[in-house]
Amino acid sequence: MARYIDEILQPGERVLYSTNAHWIFYFPAILAWIVALVLFAASRRSDVYSVEMLSLFGSGLVALAALYWTVRGWFHRLTTETDVTNLRVVHKVGFIKRRTFEMALDKVESVDVDQTILGRILNYGDVTINGVGEGRETIRTIASPLAFRSSITTR
């Protein structure tokens, strides 16, 4: 699958910076996998048959949820692209139902970064791009938001 930005580049336009959704999208899946493993280990240690079966059933159920969240996070990261070229900012989300946002760099008025404490530690956050006459667009939970902002504001 070709990258969206490679399909829409204009003559003389080049990609200066690319980022993606942060791996934190996998966090629910990671927690669910841990719970599934704990339940599975509990079923192996139990001497009571009903507790063993209940733990195994719970482990399987949580593992199915974890698998769903893993695939969902992977697909979100696969279908989300955020790029800065020498002419514009491009953000694309989705595969079949696609939503894109493009803003010329000369129309960018300001770029705001919002990071939580965990976001600062793990280097992710939300970036809001304010445009002159173009409105406002918030790109949520991207990796390296400060580097992304710098790539837009440095010309």
N, C-alpha and C. Protein backbone atom coordinates (compact mmCIF):
# COMPACT_ATOMS: atom_id res chain seq x y z
N MET A 1 0.84 -1.17 0.00
CA MET A 1 0.00 0.00 0.00
C MET A 1 0.90 1.24 0.00
N ALA A 2 0.73 2.08 -1.00
CA ALA A 2 1.54 3.29 -1.13
C ALA A 2 1.08 4.34 -0.13
N ARG A 3 2.02 5.15 0.28
CA ARG A 3 1.68 6.24 1.20
C ARG A 3 0.87 7.30 0.46
N TYR A 4 -0.07 7.88 1.17
CA TYR A 4 -0.95 8.90 0.61
C TYR A 4 -0.14 10.10 0.12
N ILE A 5 0.84 10.52 0.90
CA ILE A 5 1.61 11.71 0.54
C ILE A 5 2.36 11.51 -0.77
N ASP A 6 2.82 10.29 -1.03
CA ASP A 6 3.54 10.02 -2.28
C ASP A 6 2.63 10.14 -3.49
N GLU A 7 1.34 9.91 -3.29
CA GLU A 7 0.38 10.00 -4.39
C GLU A 7 -0.02 11.43 -4.72
N ILE A 8 0.11 12.36 -3.76
CA ILE A 8 -0.41 13.71 -3.98
C ILE A 8 0.68 14.78 -4.09
N LEU A 9 1.94 14.39 -4.05
CA LEU A 9 3.01 15.40 -4.16
C LEU A 9 2.95 16.12 -5.50
N GLN A 10 3.10 17.43 -5.44
CA GLN A 10 3.12 18.26 -6.64
C GLN A 10 4.55 18.32 -7.17
N PRO A 11 4.74 18.70 -8.44
CA PRO A 11 6.11 18.85 -8.96
C PRO A 11 6.90 19.87 -8.14
N GLY A 12 8.09 19.50 -7.74
CA GLY A 12 8.94 20.37 -6.94
C GLY A 12 8.67 20.31 -5.45
N GLU A 13 7.65 19.56 -5.04
CA GLU A 13 7.31 19.45 -3.63
C GLU A 13 8.04 18.24 -3.04
N ARG A 14 8.57 18.42 -1.84
CA ARG A 14 9.26 17.30 -1.19
C ARG A 14 8.84 17.22 0.27
N VAL A 15 8.87 16.02 0.82
CA VAL A 15 8.49 15.78 2.21
C VAL A 15 9.65 16.18 3.12
N LEU A 16 9.35 17.06 4.09
CA LEU A 16 10.36 17.50 5.05
C LEU A 16 10.29 16.72 6.36
N TYR A 17 9.07 16.33 6.76
CA TYR A 17 8.91 15.64 8.03
C TYR A 17 7.66 14.76 7.97
N SER A 18 7.78 13.56 8.52
CA SER A 18 6.65 12.63 8.60
C SER A 18 6.54 12.12 10.03
N THR A 19 5.32 11.98 10.51
CA THR A 19 5.08 11.39 11.80
C THR A 19 3.82 10.54 11.71
N ASN A 20 3.50 9.87 12.79
CA ASN A 20 2.38 8.95 12.77
C ASN A 20 1.68 9.01 14.12
N ALA A 21 0.59 8.29 14.24
CA ALA A 21 -0.07 8.15 15.53
C ALA A 21 0.91 7.44 16.48
N HIS A 22 0.90 7.84 17.72
CA HIS A 22 1.82 7.29 18.71
C HIS A 22 1.41 5.86 19.09
N TRP A 23 2.37 5.09 19.56
CA TRP A 23 2.10 3.70 19.94
C TRP A 23 1.18 3.60 21.15
N ILE A 24 0.86 4.69 21.81
CA ILE A 24 -0.02 4.66 22.98
C ILE A 24 -1.40 4.11 22.61
N PHE A 25 -1.73 4.11 21.30
CA PHE A 25 -2.99 3.50 20.86
C PHE A 25 -3.04 2.01 21.20
N TYR A 26 -1.88 1.41 21.41
CA TYR A 26 -1.83 -0.01 21.78
C TYR A 26 -2.01 -0.23 23.28
N PHE A 27 -2.06 0.81 24.08
CA PHE A 27 -2.09 0.68 25.54
C PHE A 27 -3.25 -0.20 26.04
N PRO A 28 -4.50 -0.02 25.57
CA PRO A 28 -5.57 -0.92 26.03
C PRO A 28 -5.29 -2.38 25.69
N ALA A 29 -4.71 -2.61 24.52
CA ALA A 29 -4.38 -3.99 24.13
C ALA A 29 -3.29 -4.56 25.02
N ILE A 30 -2.29 -3.76 25.35
CA ILE A 30 -1.20 -4.22 26.22
C ILE A 30 -1.75 -4.62 27.59
N LEU A 31 -2.60 -3.77 28.15
CA LEU A 31 -3.20 -4.09 29.45
C LEU A 31 -4.04 -5.36 29.38
N ALA A 32 -4.82 -5.50 28.31
CA ALA A 32 -5.66 -6.69 28.17
C ALA A 32 -4.81 -7.95 28.01
N TRP A 33 -3.71 -7.89 27.27
CA TRP A 33 -2.84 -9.06 27.13
C TRP A 33 -2.25 -9.45 28.49
N ILE A 34 -1.88 -8.46 29.29
CA ILE A 34 -1.34 -8.75 30.62
C ILE A 34 -2.39 -9.44 31.48
N VAL A 35 -3.62 -8.92 31.47
CA VAL A 35 -4.70 -9.53 32.24
C VAL A 35 -4.97 -10.96 31.76
N ALA A 36 -4.97 -11.16 30.45
CA ALA A 36 -5.21 -12.50 29.90
C ALA A 36 -4.11 -13.47 30.35
N LEU A 37 -2.87 -13.03 30.36
CA LEU A 37 -1.77 -13.89 30.81
C LEU A 37 -1.87 -14.19 32.31
N VAL A 38 -2.25 -13.19 33.11
CA VAL A 38 -2.41 -13.41 34.55
C VAL A 38 -3.53 -14.43 34.80
N LEU A 39 -4.64 -14.27 34.10
CA LEU A 39 -5.74 -15.23 34.27
C LEU A 39 -5.34 -16.63 33.82
N PHE A 40 -4.59 -16.71 32.73
CA PHE A 40 -4.13 -18.02 32.26
C PHE A 40 -3.19 -18.66 33.29
N ALA A 41 -2.27 -17.86 33.84
CA ALA A 41 -1.36 -18.38 34.86
C ALA A 41 -2.13 -18.81 36.11
N ALA A 42 -3.17 -18.06 36.46
CA ALA A 42 -3.99 -18.43 37.62
C ALA A 42 -4.71 -19.75 37.39
N SER A 43 -5.13 -19.98 36.16
CA SER A 43 -5.82 -21.25 35.86
C SER A 43 -4.87 -22.44 35.98
N ARG A 44 -3.60 -22.25 35.67
CA ARG A 44 -2.62 -23.33 35.75
C ARG A 44 -2.26 -23.63 37.20
N ARG A 45 -2.40 -22.65 38.08
CA ARG A 45 -2.01 -22.83 39.48
C ARG A 45 -3.17 -23.32 40.36
N SER A 46 -4.36 -23.26 39.85
CA SER A 46 -5.53 -23.61 40.66
C SER A 46 -5.71 -25.12 40.76
N ASP A 47 -6.08 -25.57 41.95
CA ASP A 47 -6.37 -26.98 42.18
C ASP A 47 -7.87 -27.27 42.04
N VAL A 48 -8.67 -26.23 42.10
CA VAL A 48 -10.12 -26.37 42.02
C VAL A 48 -10.53 -26.29 40.55
N TYR A 49 -11.22 -27.34 40.08
CA TYR A 49 -11.60 -27.43 38.66
C TYR A 49 -12.45 -26.25 38.20
N SER A 50 -13.43 -25.84 38.98
CA SER A 50 -14.31 -24.75 38.56
C SER A 50 -13.55 -23.42 38.46
N VAL A 51 -12.62 -23.18 39.37
CA VAL A 51 -11.81 -21.96 39.31
C VAL A 51 -10.88 -22.01 38.10
N GLU A 52 -10.35 -23.19 37.83
CA GLU A 52 -9.48 -23.36 36.66
C GLU A 52 -10.23 -23.07 35.36
N MET A 53 -11.43 -23.62 35.23
CA MET A 53 -12.23 -23.41 34.03
C MET A 53 -12.67 -21.94 33.90
N LEU A 54 -13.06 -21.34 35.01
CA LEU A 54 -13.47 -19.93 35.00
C LEU A 54 -12.30 -19.03 34.60
N SER A 55 -11.12 -19.33 35.12
CA SER A 55 -9.93 -18.54 34.76
C SER A 55 -9.57 -18.72 33.29
N LEU A 56 -9.66 -19.96 32.81
CA LEU A 56 -9.38 -20.20 31.39
C LEU A 56 -10.38 -19.50 30.49
N PHE A 57 -11.65 -19.56 30.84
CA PHE A 57 -12.68 -18.87 30.06
C PHE A 57 -12.44 -17.36 30.07
N GLY A 58 -12.17 -16.82 31.25
CA GLY A 58 -11.90 -15.38 31.36
C GLY A 58 -10.66 -14.98 30.57
N SER A 59 -9.64 -15.82 30.64
CA SER A 59 -8.41 -15.56 29.89
C SER A 59 -8.69 -15.52 28.38
N GLY A 60 -9.46 -16.47 27.90
CA GLY A 60 -9.80 -16.51 26.48
C GLY A 60 -10.63 -15.31 26.06
N LEU A 61 -11.58 -14.92 26.89
CA LEU A 61 -12.42 -13.77 26.59
C LEU A 61 -11.60 -12.48 26.55
N VAL A 62 -10.75 -12.30 27.54
CA VAL A 62 -9.90 -11.10 27.57
C VAL A 62 -8.89 -11.13 26.42
N ALA A 63 -8.40 -12.30 26.06
CA ALA A 63 -7.47 -12.40 24.93
C ALA A 63 -8.15 -12.01 23.62
N LEU A 64 -9.42 -12.37 23.46
CA LEU A 64 -10.17 -11.94 22.27
C LEU A 64 -10.30 -10.41 22.22
N ALA A 65 -10.60 -9.80 23.36
CA ALA A 65 -10.69 -8.34 23.42
C ALA A 65 -9.32 -7.72 23.13
N ALA A 66 -8.27 -8.32 23.67
CA ALA A 66 -6.92 -7.81 23.43
C ALA A 66 -6.55 -7.91 21.96
N LEU A 67 -6.93 -9.01 21.32
CA LEU A 67 -6.66 -9.17 19.90
C LEU A 67 -7.40 -8.10 19.09
N TYR A 68 -8.65 -7.85 19.44
CA TYR A 68 -9.42 -6.79 18.77
C TYR A 68 -8.74 -5.43 18.92
N TRP A 69 -8.33 -5.08 20.15
CA TRP A 69 -7.69 -3.79 20.38
C TRP A 69 -6.32 -3.71 19.71
N THR A 70 -5.62 -4.83 19.61
CA THR A 70 -4.33 -4.84 18.91
C THR A 70 -4.52 -4.56 17.43
N VAL A 71 -5.46 -5.25 16.80
CA VAL A 71 -5.73 -5.05 15.37
C VAL A 71 -6.25 -3.63 15.12
N ARG A 72 -7.12 -3.17 15.99
CA ARG A 72 -7.67 -1.82 15.85
C ARG A 72 -6.56 -0.75 15.94
N GLY A 73 -5.66 -0.87 16.92
CA GLY A 73 -4.55 0.07 17.06
C GLY A 73 -3.60 0.00 15.88
N TRP A 74 -3.29 -1.22 15.42
CA TRP A 74 -2.41 -1.39 14.28
C TRP A 74 -3.02 -0.76 13.03
N PHE A 75 -4.31 -0.99 12.81
CA PHE A 75 -4.97 -0.44 11.62
C PHE A 75 -5.03 1.08 11.69
N HIS A 76 -5.28 1.63 12.88
CA HIS A 76 -5.29 3.08 13.02
C HIS A 76 -3.92 3.67 12.68
N ARG A 77 -2.86 3.06 13.20
CA ARG A 77 -1.51 3.56 12.89
C ARG A 77 -1.17 3.38 11.42
N LEU A 78 -1.63 2.29 10.82
CA LEU A 78 -1.35 2.03 9.41
C LEU A 78 -2.04 3.04 8.50
N THR A 79 -3.24 3.47 8.86
CA THR A 79 -4.03 4.32 7.98
C THR A 79 -3.99 5.80 8.36
N THR A 80 -3.10 6.17 9.27
CA THR A 80 -2.95 7.57 9.65
C THR A 80 -1.59 8.08 9.20
N GLU A 81 -1.59 9.18 8.47
CA GLU A 81 -0.35 9.79 8.00
C GLU A 81 -0.38 11.28 8.29
N THR A 82 0.72 11.81 8.76
CA THR A 82 0.84 13.23 9.00
C THR A 82 2.20 13.66 8.46
N ASP A 83 2.20 14.59 7.52
CA ASP A 83 3.43 15.00 6.84
C ASP A 83 3.49 16.51 6.70
N VAL A 84 4.72 17.00 6.65
CA VAL A 84 4.97 18.40 6.33
C VAL A 84 5.85 18.40 5.08
N THR A 85 5.41 19.09 4.05
CA THR A 85 6.23 19.25 2.85
C THR A 85 6.78 20.68 2.84
N ASN A 86 7.52 21.01 1.81
CA ASN A 86 8.02 22.37 1.70
C ASN A 86 6.92 23.36 1.32
N LEU A 87 5.70 22.86 1.02
CA LEU A 87 4.59 23.73 0.63
C LEU A 87 3.38 23.66 1.56
N ARG A 88 3.15 22.53 2.24
CA ARG A 88 1.91 22.37 2.99
C ARG A 88 2.03 21.33 4.10
N VAL A 89 1.00 21.32 4.94
CA VAL A 89 0.82 20.30 5.97
C VAL A 89 -0.29 19.38 5.50
N VAL A 90 -0.06 18.08 5.57
CA VAL A 90 -1.04 17.10 5.10
C VAL A 90 -1.28 16.09 6.22
N HIS A 91 -2.57 15.86 6.52
CA HIS A 91 -2.95 14.86 7.53
C HIS A 91 -4.06 14.01 6.93
N LYS A 92 -3.87 12.68 6.97
CA LYS A 92 -4.85 11.75 6.42
C LYS A 92 -5.17 10.68 7.44
N VAL A 93 -6.47 10.42 7.61
CA VAL A 93 -6.95 9.36 8.51
C VAL A 93 -7.94 8.51 7.74
N GLY A 94 -7.84 7.19 7.89
CA GLY A 94 -8.84 6.30 7.30
C GLY A 94 -8.34 5.55 6.10
N PHE A 95 -9.10 4.52 5.77
CA PHE A 95 -8.75 3.66 4.63
C PHE A 95 -9.86 3.71 3.59
N ILE A 96 -11.01 3.19 3.92
CA ILE A 96 -12.14 3.26 2.99
C ILE A 96 -12.84 4.60 3.14
N LYS A 97 -13.18 4.93 4.37
CA LYS A 97 -13.73 6.26 4.66
C LYS A 97 -12.54 7.13 5.03
N ARG A 98 -12.12 7.98 4.12
CA ARG A 98 -10.91 8.76 4.29
C ARG A 98 -11.24 10.21 4.63
N ARG A 99 -10.49 10.76 5.56
CA ARG A 99 -10.61 12.18 5.90
C ARG A 99 -9.23 12.80 5.79
N THR A 100 -9.12 13.87 5.01
CA THR A 100 -7.83 14.53 4.84
C THR A 100 -7.93 16.00 5.24
N PHE A 101 -6.80 16.53 5.61
CA PHE A 101 -6.66 17.93 5.95
C PHE A 101 -5.37 18.42 5.32
N GLU A 102 -5.44 19.50 4.58
CA GLU A 102 -4.25 20.09 3.99
C GLU A 102 -4.30 21.59 4.20
N MET A 103 -3.15 22.17 4.54
CA MET A 103 -3.06 23.61 4.71
C MET A 103 -1.71 24.08 4.18
N ALA A 104 -1.74 25.11 3.36
CA ALA A 104 -0.51 25.68 2.84
C ALA A 104 0.29 26.27 3.99
N LEU A 105 1.62 26.11 3.96
CA LEU A 105 2.45 26.61 5.04
C LEU A 105 2.35 28.12 5.20
N ASP A 106 2.15 28.84 4.10
CA ASP A 106 2.04 30.30 4.22
C ASP A 106 0.71 30.74 4.82
N LYS A 107 -0.24 29.82 4.99
CA LYS A 107 -1.53 30.11 5.63
C LYS A 107 -1.56 29.72 7.11
N VAL A 108 -0.48 29.11 7.60
CA VAL A 108 -0.41 28.70 9.01
C VAL A 108 -0.12 29.93 9.86
N GLU A 109 -1.03 30.21 10.79
CA GLU A 109 -0.86 31.36 11.69
C GLU A 109 -0.12 30.95 12.96
N SER A 110 -0.54 29.83 13.56
CA SER A 110 0.13 29.34 14.77
C SER A 110 -0.04 27.84 14.89
N VAL A 111 0.86 27.24 15.65
CA VAL A 111 0.82 25.81 15.90
C VAL A 111 0.94 25.61 17.41
N ASP A 112 -0.10 25.02 18.01
CA ASP A 112 -0.13 24.80 19.45
C ASP A 112 0.03 23.31 19.76
N VAL A 113 0.81 23.01 20.79
CA VAL A 113 1.04 21.63 21.22
C VAL A 113 0.45 21.47 22.62
N ASP A 114 -0.33 20.41 22.80
CA ASP A 114 -0.92 20.10 24.10
C ASP A 114 -0.47 18.70 24.49
N GLN A 115 0.29 18.62 25.60
CA GLN A 115 0.80 17.34 26.09
C GLN A 115 0.43 17.17 27.55
N THR A 116 0.00 15.98 27.91
CA THR A 116 -0.20 15.63 29.31
C THR A 116 1.16 15.27 29.91
N ILE A 117 1.17 14.97 31.20
CA ILE A 117 2.43 14.56 31.83
C ILE A 117 2.92 13.26 31.20
N LEU A 118 2.00 12.30 31.02
CA LEU A 118 2.38 11.04 30.37
C LEU A 118 2.82 11.29 28.93
N GLY A 119 2.15 12.22 28.27
CA GLY A 119 2.53 12.57 26.90
C GLY A 119 3.93 13.15 26.82
N ARG A 120 4.32 13.94 27.80
CA ARG A 120 5.68 14.49 27.82
C ARG A 120 6.69 13.38 28.06
N ILE A 121 6.35 12.45 28.95
CA ILE A 121 7.28 11.35 29.26
C ILE A 121 7.44 10.43 28.04
N LEU A 122 6.32 10.10 27.38
CA LEU A 122 6.35 9.15 26.25
C LEU A 122 6.44 9.84 24.89
N ASN A 123 6.51 11.18 24.87
CA ASN A 123 6.69 11.96 23.65
C ASN A 123 5.53 11.83 22.67
N TYR A 124 4.32 12.14 23.14
CA TYR A 124 3.17 12.23 22.26
C TYR A 124 2.29 13.38 22.72
N GLY A 125 1.38 13.81 21.86
CA GLY A 125 0.48 14.89 22.23
C GLY A 125 -0.42 15.28 21.08
N ASP A 126 -1.21 16.32 21.33
CA ASP A 126 -2.13 16.86 20.32
C ASP A 126 -1.54 18.15 19.76
N VAL A 127 -1.68 18.33 18.47
CA VAL A 127 -1.19 19.54 17.81
C VAL A 127 -2.38 20.22 17.15
N THR A 128 -2.55 21.52 17.45
CA THR A 128 -3.62 22.31 16.84
C THR A 128 -2.98 23.32 15.90
N ILE A 129 -3.41 23.27 14.64
CA ILE A 129 -2.89 24.19 13.62
C ILE A 129 -3.97 25.22 13.34
N ASN A 130 -3.65 26.48 13.57
CA ASN A 130 -4.56 27.59 13.30
C ASN A 130 -4.14 28.25 12.00
N GLY A 131 -5.08 28.37 11.08
CA GLY A 131 -4.77 28.95 9.79
C GLY A 131 -5.43 30.30 9.58
N VAL A 132 -4.81 31.11 8.76
CA VAL A 132 -5.38 32.40 8.40
C VAL A 132 -6.51 32.15 7.42
N GLY A 133 -7.74 32.38 7.85
CA GLY A 133 -8.89 32.17 6.98
C GLY A 133 -9.18 30.72 6.66
N GLU A 134 -8.44 29.80 7.25
CA GLU A 134 -8.59 28.38 6.95
C GLU A 134 -9.18 27.59 8.11
N GLY A 135 -9.33 28.25 9.26
CA GLY A 135 -9.91 27.56 10.40
C GLY A 135 -8.86 26.93 11.28
N ARG A 136 -9.27 25.91 11.99
CA ARG A 136 -8.44 25.25 12.99
C ARG A 136 -8.57 23.75 12.83
N GLU A 137 -7.46 23.06 12.95
CA GLU A 137 -7.45 21.60 12.86
C GLU A 137 -6.60 21.04 13.99
N THR A 138 -7.15 20.08 14.72
CA THR A 138 -6.40 19.42 15.79
C THR A 138 -6.06 18.00 15.35
N ILE A 139 -4.78 17.69 15.43
CA ILE A 139 -4.29 16.35 15.12
C ILE A 139 -3.99 15.69 16.45
N ARG A 140 -4.69 14.62 16.76
CA ARG A 140 -4.63 14.02 18.08
C ARG A 140 -3.61 12.89 18.19
N THR A 141 -2.96 12.85 19.32
CA THR A 141 -2.09 11.76 19.75
C THR A 141 -1.05 11.37 18.70
N ILE A 142 -0.25 12.35 18.29
CA ILE A 142 0.81 12.04 17.34
C ILE A 142 2.14 11.91 18.08
N ALA A 143 3.04 11.17 17.48
CA ALA A 143 4.38 11.01 18.03
C ALA A 143 5.20 12.26 17.75
N SER A 144 6.05 12.62 18.66
CA SER A 144 6.98 13.75 18.54
C SER A 144 6.28 15.04 18.13
N PRO A 145 5.33 15.53 18.93
CA PRO A 145 4.60 16.73 18.53
C PRO A 145 5.46 18.00 18.46
N LEU A 146 6.49 18.10 19.31
CA LEU A 146 7.34 19.29 19.27
C LEU A 146 8.18 19.34 18.00
N ALA A 147 8.69 18.19 17.58
CA ALA A 147 9.44 18.13 16.33
C ALA A 147 8.52 18.43 15.14
N PHE A 148 7.28 17.96 15.22
CA PHE A 148 6.31 18.25 14.17
C PHE A 148 6.03 19.74 14.09
N ARG A 149 5.80 20.37 15.25
CA ARG A 149 5.58 21.82 15.28
C ARG A 149 6.79 22.56 14.72
N SER A 150 7.99 22.15 15.10
CA SER A 150 9.19 22.82 14.61
C SER A 150 9.32 22.70 13.09
N SER A 151 8.93 21.56 12.56
CA SER A 151 9.04 21.38 11.10
C SER A 151 8.07 22.30 10.35
N ILE A 152 6.97 22.69 11.01
CA ILE A 152 6.02 23.61 10.38
C ILE A 152 6.48 25.06 10.54
N THR A 153 6.94 25.41 11.72
CA THR A 153 7.27 26.81 11.99
C THR A 153 8.65 27.23 11.49
N THR A 154 9.55 26.30 11.28
CA THR A 154 10.89 26.61 10.77
C THR A 154 10.84 26.65 9.25
N ARG A 155 11.14 27.81 8.72
CA ARG A 155 11.15 27.93 7.24
C ARG A 155 12.43 28.56 6.77
